[in-house]
Amino acid sequence: MGLWEWLLTISASSGGPGQPFTAQWQYVTAALVAPALIGALWAGIIILAERIFGLRLGGGGI
């Protein structure tokens, strides 16, 4: 299963029963952007906690 087929499959579940599915860019965008935004938010929270409390939560540096 390719990426496009996977995105169509997860987007299809948002339609109601008996309704035809038409792929819309909002579903594809949400499926790709939402995980990136959540990850960026958590990274920001970890960096903020490290600076406030003087912790090393993010692992070692390069």
PDB file of N, CA and C in Angstrom:
ATOM      1  N   MET A   1       0.855  -1.173   0.000  1.00  0.00           N
ATOM      2  CA  MET A   1       0.000   0.000   0.000  1.00  0.00           C
ATOM      3  C   MET A   1       0.898   1.233   0.000  1.00  0.00           C
ATOM      4  N   GLY A   2       0.655   2.116  -0.940  1.00  0.00           N
ATOM      5  CA  GLY A   2       1.425   3.339  -1.042  1.00  0.00           C
ATOM      6  C   GLY A   2       0.900   4.413  -0.101  1.00  0.00           C
ATOM      7  N   LEU A   3       1.639   5.498  -0.025  1.00  0.00           N
ATOM      8  CA  LEU A   3       1.263   6.601   0.865  1.00  0.00           C
ATOM      9  C   LEU A   3      -0.096   7.184   0.473  1.00  0.00           C
ATOM     10  N   TRP A   4      -0.300   7.379  -0.833  1.00  0.00           N
ATOM     11  CA  TRP A   4      -1.556   7.985  -1.268  1.00  0.00           C
ATOM     12  C   TRP A   4      -2.753   7.097  -0.938  1.00  0.00           C
ATOM     13  N   GLU A   5      -2.608   5.781  -1.166  1.00  0.00           N
ATOM     14  CA  GLU A   5      -3.707   4.867  -0.853  1.00  0.00           C
ATOM     15  C   GLU A   5      -3.994   4.857   0.644  1.00  0.00           C
ATOM     16  N   TRP A   6      -2.937   4.927   1.446  1.00  0.00           N
ATOM     17  CA  TRP A   6      -3.106   4.952   2.894  1.00  0.00           C
ATOM     18  C   TRP A   6      -3.842   6.209   3.330  1.00  0.00           C
ATOM     19  N   LEU A   7      -3.463   7.355   2.773  1.00  0.00           N
ATOM     20  CA  LEU A   7      -4.132   8.599   3.126  1.00  0.00           C
ATOM     21  C   LEU A   7      -5.606   8.577   2.698  1.00  0.00           C
ATOM     22  N   LEU A   8      -5.893   7.994   1.535  1.00  0.00           N
ATOM     23  CA  LEU A   8      -7.286   7.883   1.099  1.00  0.00           C
ATOM     24  C   LEU A   8      -8.076   6.968   2.026  1.00  0.00           C
ATOM     25  N   THR A   9      -7.432   5.900   2.509  1.00  0.00           N
ATOM     26  CA  THR A   9      -8.116   4.962   3.398  1.00  0.00           C
ATOM     27  C   THR A   9      -8.479   5.617   4.723  1.00  0.00           C
ATOM     28  N   ILE A  10      -7.520   6.343   5.334  1.00  0.00           N
ATOM     29  CA  ILE A  10      -7.826   6.961   6.628  1.00  0.00           C
ATOM     30  C   ILE A  10      -8.772   8.138   6.467  1.00  0.00           C
ATOM     31  N   SER A  11      -8.746   8.787   5.306  1.00  0.00           N
ATOM     32  CA  SER A  11      -9.674   9.889   5.078  1.00  0.00           C
ATOM     33  C   SER A  11     -11.089   9.381   4.827  1.00  0.00           C
ATOM     34  N   ALA A  12     -11.213   8.203   4.231  1.00  0.00           N
ATOM     35  CA  ALA A  12     -12.533   7.662   3.917  1.00  0.00           C
ATOM     36  C   ALA A  12     -13.343   7.392   5.171  1.00  0.00           C
ATOM     37  N   SER A  13     -12.690   7.091   6.274  1.00  0.00           N
ATOM     38  CA  SER A  13     -13.404   6.760   7.495  1.00  0.00           C
ATOM     39  C   SER A  13     -14.113   7.968   8.095  1.00  0.00           C
ATOM     40  N   SER A  14     -13.799   9.180   7.614  1.00  0.00           N
ATOM     41  CA  SER A  14     -14.439  10.367   8.168  1.00  0.00           C
ATOM     42  C   SER A  14     -15.801  10.644   7.539  1.00  0.00           C
ATOM     43  N   GLY A  15     -16.132   9.963   6.444  1.00  0.00           N
ATOM     44  CA  GLY A  15     -17.436  10.146   5.806  1.00  0.00           C
ATOM     45  C   GLY A  15     -18.498   9.334   6.525  1.00  0.00           C
ATOM     46  N   GLY A  16     -19.717   9.776   6.400  1.00  0.00           N
ATOM     47  CA  GLY A  16     -20.825   9.073   7.040  1.00  0.00           C
ATOM     48  C   GLY A  16     -21.180   7.799   6.304  1.00  0.00           C
ATOM     49  N   PRO A  17     -21.954   6.917   6.916  1.00  0.00           N
ATOM     50  CA  PRO A  17     -22.342   5.679   6.252  1.00  0.00           C
ATOM     51  C   PRO A  17     -23.201   5.951   5.016  1.00  0.00           C
ATOM     52  N   GLY A  18     -22.883   5.274   3.940  1.00  0.00           N
ATOM     53  CA  GLY A  18     -23.637   5.413   2.713  1.00  0.00           C
ATOM     54  C   GLY A  18     -23.293   6.625   1.877  1.00  0.00           C
ATOM     55  N   GLN A  19     -22.405   7.467   2.372  1.00  0.00           N
ATOM     56  CA  GLN A  19     -22.023   8.648   1.613  1.00  0.00           C
ATOM     57  C   GLN A  19     -20.820   8.326   0.738  1.00  0.00           C
ATOM     58  N   PRO A  20     -20.809   8.803  -0.501  1.00  0.00           N
ATOM     59  CA  PRO A  20     -19.644   8.566  -1.345  1.00  0.00           C
ATOM     60  C   PRO A  20     -18.449   9.364  -0.848  1.00  0.00           C
ATOM     61  N   PHE A  21     -17.292   8.789  -1.018  1.00  0.00           N
ATOM     62  CA  PHE A  21     -16.074   9.446  -0.550  1.00  0.00           C
ATOM     63  C   PHE A  21     -15.420  10.202  -1.692  1.00  0.00           C
ATOM     64  N   THR A  22     -15.104  11.440  -1.441  1.00  0.00           N
ATOM     65  CA  THR A  22     -14.297  12.229  -2.362  1.00  0.00           C
ATOM     66  C   THR A  22     -13.126  12.782  -1.576  1.00  0.00           C
ATOM     67  N   ALA A  23     -11.934  12.500  -2.070  1.00  0.00           N
ATOM     68  CA  ALA A  23     -10.733  12.960  -1.370  1.00  0.00           C
ATOM     69  C   ALA A  23     -10.686  14.477  -1.387  1.00  0.00           C
ATOM     70  N   GLN A  24     -10.470  15.061  -0.241  1.00  0.00           N
ATOM     71  CA  GLN A  24     -10.353  16.503  -0.141  1.00  0.00           C
ATOM     72  C   GLN A  24      -8.994  16.840   0.449  1.00  0.00           C
ATOM     73  N   TRP A  25      -8.461  17.957   0.053  1.00  0.00           N
ATOM     74  CA  TRP A  25      -7.115  18.306   0.474  1.00  0.00           C
ATOM     75  C   TRP A  25      -7.034  18.547   1.978  1.00  0.00           C
ATOM     76  N   GLN A  26      -8.143  18.878   2.629  1.00  0.00           N
ATOM     77  CA  GLN A  26      -8.103  19.122   4.072  1.00  0.00           C
ATOM     78  C   GLN A  26      -7.724  17.855   4.833  1.00  0.00           C
ATOM     79  N   TYR A  27      -8.241  16.707   4.399  1.00  0.00           N
ATOM     80  CA  TYR A  27      -7.939  15.452   5.079  1.00  0.00           C
ATOM     81  C   TYR A  27      -6.471  15.090   4.923  1.00  0.00           C
ATOM     82  N   VAL A  28      -5.967  15.227   3.709  1.00  0.00           N
ATOM     83  CA  VAL A  28      -4.569  14.887   3.443  1.00  0.00           C
ATOM     84  C   VAL A  28      -3.647  15.827   4.203  1.00  0.00           C
ATOM     85  N   THR A  29      -3.963  17.110   4.198  1.00  0.00           N
ATOM     86  CA  THR A  29      -3.142  18.085   4.923  1.00  0.00           C
ATOM     87  C   THR A  29      -3.145  17.800   6.413  1.00  0.00           C
ATOM     88  N   ALA A  30      -4.296  17.501   6.967  1.00  0.00           N
ATOM     89  CA  ALA A  30      -4.381  17.210   8.397  1.00  0.00           C
ATOM     90  C   ALA A  30      -3.590  15.953   8.750  1.00  0.00           C
ATOM     91  N   ALA A  31      -3.648  14.936   7.885  1.00  0.00           N
ATOM     92  CA  ALA A  31      -2.928  13.690   8.152  1.00  0.00           C
ATOM     93  C   ALA A  31      -1.425  13.891   8.111  1.00  0.00           C
ATOM     94  N   LEU A  32      -0.951  14.830   7.334  1.00  0.00           N
ATOM     95  CA  LEU A  32       0.489  15.064   7.227  1.00  0.00           C
ATOM     96  C   LEU A  32       0.992  16.119   8.209  1.00  0.00           C
ATOM     97  N   VAL A  33       0.210  17.152   8.456  1.00  0.00           N
ATOM     98  CA  VAL A  33       0.673  18.284   9.253  1.00  0.00           C
ATOM     99  C   VAL A  33       0.441  18.081  10.748  1.00  0.00           C
ATOM    100  N   ALA A  34      -0.649  17.450  11.127  1.00  0.00           N
ATOM    101  CA  ALA A  34      -0.967  17.299  12.549  1.00  0.00           C
ATOM    102  C   ALA A  34       0.136  16.596  13.337  1.00  0.00           C
ATOM    103  N   PRO A  35       0.689  15.458  12.879  1.00  0.00           N
ATOM    104  CA  PRO A  35       1.767  14.835  13.648  1.00  0.00           C
ATOM    105  C   PRO A  35       3.009  15.719  13.765  1.00  0.00           C
ATOM    106  N   ALA A  36       3.320  16.481  12.708  1.00  0.00           N
ATOM    107  CA  ALA A  36       4.473  17.378  12.765  1.00  0.00           C
ATOM    108  C   ALA A  36       4.254  18.493  13.781  1.00  0.00           C
ATOM    109  N   LEU A  37       3.048  19.034  13.827  1.00  0.00           N
ATOM    110  CA  LEU A  37       2.743  20.091  14.795  1.00  0.00           C
ATOM    111  C   LEU A  37       2.770  19.568  16.229  1.00  0.00           C
ATOM    112  N   ILE A  38       2.244  18.373  16.434  1.00  0.00           N
ATOM    113  CA  ILE A  38       2.256  17.783  17.773  1.00  0.00           C
ATOM    114  C   ILE A  38       3.696  17.533  18.225  1.00  0.00           C
ATOM    115  N   GLY A  39       4.532  17.023  17.323  1.00  0.00           N
ATOM    116  CA  GLY A  39       5.941  16.794  17.655  1.00  0.00           C
ATOM    117  C   GLY A  39       6.674  18.080  17.970  1.00  0.00           C
ATOM    118  N   ALA A  40       6.416  19.118  17.197  1.00  0.00           N
ATOM    119  CA  ALA A  40       7.054  20.411  17.447  1.00  0.00           C
ATOM    120  C   ALA A  40       6.605  20.990  18.783  1.00  0.00           C
ATOM    121  N   LEU A  41       5.333  20.813  19.115  1.00  0.00           N
ATOM    122  CA  LEU A  41       4.818  21.298  20.397  1.00  0.00           C
ATOM    123  C   LEU A  41       5.505  20.592  21.557  1.00  0.00           C
ATOM    124  N   TRP A  42       5.624  19.250  21.466  1.00  0.00           N
ATOM    125  CA  TRP A  42       6.299  18.500  22.531  1.00  0.00           C
ATOM    126  C   TRP A  42       7.767  18.884  22.634  1.00  0.00           C
ATOM    127  N   ALA A  43       8.441  19.096  21.506  1.00  0.00           N
ATOM    128  CA  ALA A  43       9.841  19.514  21.539  1.00  0.00           C
ATOM    129  C   ALA A  43       9.981  20.856  22.249  1.00  0.00           C
ATOM    130  N   GLY A  44       9.059  21.764  21.970  1.00  0.00           N
ATOM    131  CA  GLY A  44       9.085  23.063  22.651  1.00  0.00           C
ATOM    132  C   GLY A  44       8.860  22.947  24.144  1.00  0.00           C
ATOM    133  N   ILE A  45       7.946  22.073  24.543  1.00  0.00           N
ATOM    134  CA  ILE A  45       7.682  21.861  25.965  1.00  0.00           C
ATOM    135  C   ILE A  45       8.913  21.282  26.653  1.00  0.00           C
ATOM    136  N   ILE A  46       9.571  20.320  26.003  1.00  0.00           N
ATOM    137  CA  ILE A  46      10.775  19.708  26.585  1.00  0.00           C
ATOM    138  C   ILE A  46      11.894  20.733  26.709  1.00  0.00           C
ATOM    139  N   ILE A  47      12.104  21.550  25.680  1.00  0.00           N
ATOM    140  CA  ILE A  47      13.155  22.570  25.733  1.00  0.00           C
ATOM    141  C   ILE A  47      12.853  23.574  26.830  1.00  0.00           C
ATOM    142  N   LEU A  48      11.606  23.983  26.954  1.00  0.00           N
ATOM    143  CA  LEU A  48      11.218  24.926  28.001  1.00  0.00           C
ATOM    144  C   LEU A  48      11.434  24.330  29.388  1.00  0.00           C
ATOM    145  N   ALA A  49      11.056  23.077  29.585  1.00  0.00           N
ATOM    146  CA  ALA A  49      11.249  22.423  30.878  1.00  0.00           C
ATOM    147  C   ALA A  49      12.738  22.289  31.199  1.00  0.00           C
ATOM    148  N   GLU A  50      13.552  22.006  30.200  1.00  0.00           N
ATOM    149  CA  GLU A  50      14.996  21.913  30.426  1.00  0.00           C
ATOM    150  C   GLU A  50      15.569  23.246  30.893  1.00  0.00           C
ATOM    151  N   ARG A  51      15.135  24.316  30.269  1.00  0.00           N
ATOM    152  CA  ARG A  51      15.670  25.640  30.630  1.00  0.00           C
ATOM    153  C   ARG A  51      15.181  26.097  32.000  1.00  0.00           C
ATOM    154  N   ILE A  52      13.927  25.819  32.317  1.00  0.00           N
ATOM    155  CA  ILE A  52      13.370  26.279  33.592  1.00  0.00           C
ATOM    156  C   ILE A  52      13.963  25.492  34.750  1.00  0.00           C
ATOM    157  N   PHE A  53      14.018  24.159  34.626  1.00  0.00           N
ATOM    158  CA  PHE A  53      14.433  23.319  35.735  1.00  0.00           C
ATOM    159  C   PHE A  53      15.892  22.860  35.657  1.00  0.00           C
ATOM    160  N   GLY A  54      16.604  23.221  34.611  1.00  0.00           N
ATOM    161  CA  GLY A  54      18.001  22.822  34.472  1.00  0.00           C
ATOM    162  C   GLY A  54      18.177  21.331  34.252  1.00  0.00           C
ATOM    163  N   LEU A  55      17.246  20.696  33.580  1.00  0.00           N
ATOM    164  CA  LEU A  55      17.293  19.252  33.340  1.00  0.00           C
ATOM    165  C   LEU A  55      17.862  18.967  31.954  1.00  0.00           C
ATOM    166  N   ARG A  56      18.220  17.692  31.727  1.00  0.00           N
ATOM    167  CA  ARG A  56      18.646  17.226  30.404  1.00  0.00           C
ATOM    168  C   ARG A  56      17.686  16.120  29.967  1.00  0.00           C
ATOM    169  N   LEU A  57      16.503  16.483  29.479  1.00  0.00           N
ATOM    170  CA  LEU A  57      15.500  15.502  29.093  1.00  0.00           C
ATOM    171  C   LEU A  57      15.659  15.052  27.644  1.00  0.00           C
ATOM    172  N   GLY A  58      16.272  15.870  26.814  1.00  0.00           N
ATOM    173  CA  GLY A  58      16.336  15.593  25.393  1.00  0.00           C
ATOM    174  C   GLY A  58      17.465  14.672  24.965  1.00  0.00           C
ATOM    175  N   GLY A  59      18.265  14.171  25.879  1.00  0.00           N
ATOM    176  CA  GLY A  59      19.368  13.303  25.491  1.00  0.00           C
ATOM    177  C   GLY A  59      20.648  14.092  25.286  1.00  0.00           C
ATOM    178  N   GLY A  60      21.659  13.406  24.768  1.00  0.00           N
ATOM    179  CA  GLY A  60      22.962  14.039  24.562  1.00  0.00           C
ATOM    180  C   GLY A  60      23.007  14.870  23.302  1.00  0.00           C
ATOM    181  N   GLY A  61      23.936  15.773  23.253  1.00  0.00           N
ATOM    182  CA  GLY A  61      24.118  16.627  22.082  1.00  0.00           C
ATOM    183  C   GLY A  61      25.175  16.022  21.163  1.00  0.00           C
ATOM    184  N   ILE A  62      25.247  16.568  19.995  1.00  0.00           N
ATOM    185  CA  ILE A  62      26.240  16.090  19.017  1.00  0.00           C
ATOM    186  C   ILE A  62      27.510  16.877  19.171  1.00  0.00           C
TER     187      ILE A  62
END
